[in-house]
Every structure is written in structure tokens, then in C-alpha cells.
């Protein structure tokens, strides 16, 4: 089993990313104006990219800094 360990800063960073995404998706769903909906759909894609980059960064930084900051994966076998 893989566990993801996050420090407080990284945890809050991911929560903020998810909060922004949830708000953006809600706008895409409810917006009636095609132009505004299309613009917000692009914004939502950018937010997804940001979340992906944040998770990737957290995974890659920890082995280099040796402190666990940036989050780290712990491989366990059950």
C-alpha cells in the first residue's frame, strides 16, 4: 500500500487547489452564456494542470531535500 505524507503547507496547498477546481466546475455547469462557459472551461483545465503540477512537485522534492517537505510516498506491502 502506498501512503502519501504531507506537511501542513502542502496539505493546505492541495485543499486550495481542490476548492478552486470545485468552484470552477460549478460555474462551467451552471453558466448559460457559451462564451463565458468556454472561457471558464479553459480556466478549469488550467486549474487541473496546476493541481497535477503541485502533486508531482511534492512527490519529486522530498527525496532531494531529505526532510519530507513537499510530501513523500511511503511504499508498504500488505
Protein backbone atom coordinates (compact mmCIF):
# COMPACT_ATOMS: atom_id res chain seq x y z
CA UNK A 1 0.00 0.00 0.00
CA UNK A 2 1.24 3.50 -0.81
CA UNK A 3 0.84 6.29 1.73
CA UNK A 4 1.19 9.96 0.95
CA UNK A 5 2.64 12.05 3.77
CA UNK A 6 2.18 15.81 3.55
CA UNK A 7 3.31 18.65 5.71
CA UNK A 8 0.74 21.30 6.69
CA UNK A 9 1.74 23.72 3.89
CA UNK A 10 1.42 21.08 1.15
CA UNK A 11 -1.84 19.77 2.56
CA UNK A 12 -3.38 23.26 2.53
CA UNK A 13 -1.99 23.91 -0.96
CA UNK A 14 -3.79 20.83 -2.29
CA UNK A 15 -7.00 21.73 -0.47
CA UNK A 16 -6.89 25.21 -2.03
CA UNK A 17 -6.38 23.69 -5.49
CA UNK A 18 -9.37 21.40 -4.99
CA UNK A 19 -11.54 24.24 -3.68
CA UNK A 20 -10.76 26.37 -6.76
CA UNK A 21 -11.48 23.44 -9.05
CA UNK A 22 -14.82 22.70 -7.43
CA UNK A 23 -15.92 26.32 -7.79
CA UNK A 24 -14.77 26.45 -11.39
CA UNK A 25 -16.58 23.24 -12.33
CA UNK A 26 -19.78 24.56 -10.77
CA UNK A 27 -19.55 27.67 -12.96
CA UNK A 28 -18.97 25.57 -16.09
CA UNK A 29 -22.07 23.53 -15.30
CA UNK A 30 -24.34 26.47 -14.46
CA UNK A 31 -23.19 29.16 -16.92
CA UNK A 32 -25.68 29.71 -19.74
CA UNK A 33 -23.54 32.06 -21.83
CA UNK A 34 -21.47 29.94 -24.23
CA UNK A 35 -18.51 32.36 -24.37
CA UNK A 36 -18.26 32.61 -20.59
CA UNK A 37 -18.68 28.85 -20.21
CA UNK A 38 -15.94 28.19 -22.79
CA UNK A 39 -13.58 30.66 -21.07
CA UNK A 40 -14.22 29.06 -17.69
CA UNK A 41 -13.72 25.58 -19.12
CA UNK A 42 -10.21 26.67 -20.17
CA UNK A 43 -9.64 28.07 -16.69
CA UNK A 44 -10.75 24.75 -15.20
CA UNK A 45 -8.25 22.90 -17.41
CA UNK A 46 -5.51 25.23 -16.16
CA UNK A 47 -6.51 24.55 -12.55
CA UNK A 48 -6.32 20.80 -13.19
CA UNK A 49 -2.82 21.29 -14.61
CA UNK A 50 -1.88 23.28 -11.52
CA UNK A 51 -3.13 20.50 -9.22
CA UNK A 52 -1.20 17.91 -11.22
CA UNK A 53 1.99 20.01 -11.06
CA UNK A 54 1.61 20.55 -7.32
CA UNK A 55 1.23 16.82 -6.65
CA UNK A 56 4.15 15.98 -8.93
CA UNK A 57 6.32 18.64 -7.28
CA UNK A 58 5.51 17.31 -3.81
CA UNK A 59 6.43 13.81 -4.87
CA UNK A 60 9.72 14.82 -6.54
CA UNK A 61 11.05 17.31 -3.96
CA UNK A 62 11.06 15.09 -0.87
CA UNK A 63 13.79 12.64 -1.95
CA UNK A 64 16.05 15.54 -2.89
CA UNK A 65 15.70 17.58 0.28
CA UNK A 66 15.68 14.63 2.69
CA UNK A 67 13.26 16.33 5.10
CA UNK A 68 9.94 15.15 3.74
CA UNK A 69 8.85 18.65 2.83
CA UNK A 70 6.98 18.54 -0.40
CA UNK A 71 5.29 15.34 0.66
CA UNK A 72 6.59 11.86 0.07
CA UNK A 73 5.31 8.43 -0.83
CA UNK A 74 5.87 5.53 1.53
CA UNK A 75 5.69 2.10 -0.08
CA UNK A 76 4.23 -0.61 2.15
CA UNK A 77 3.24 -4.16 1.34
CA UNK A 78 0.20 -5.68 2.98
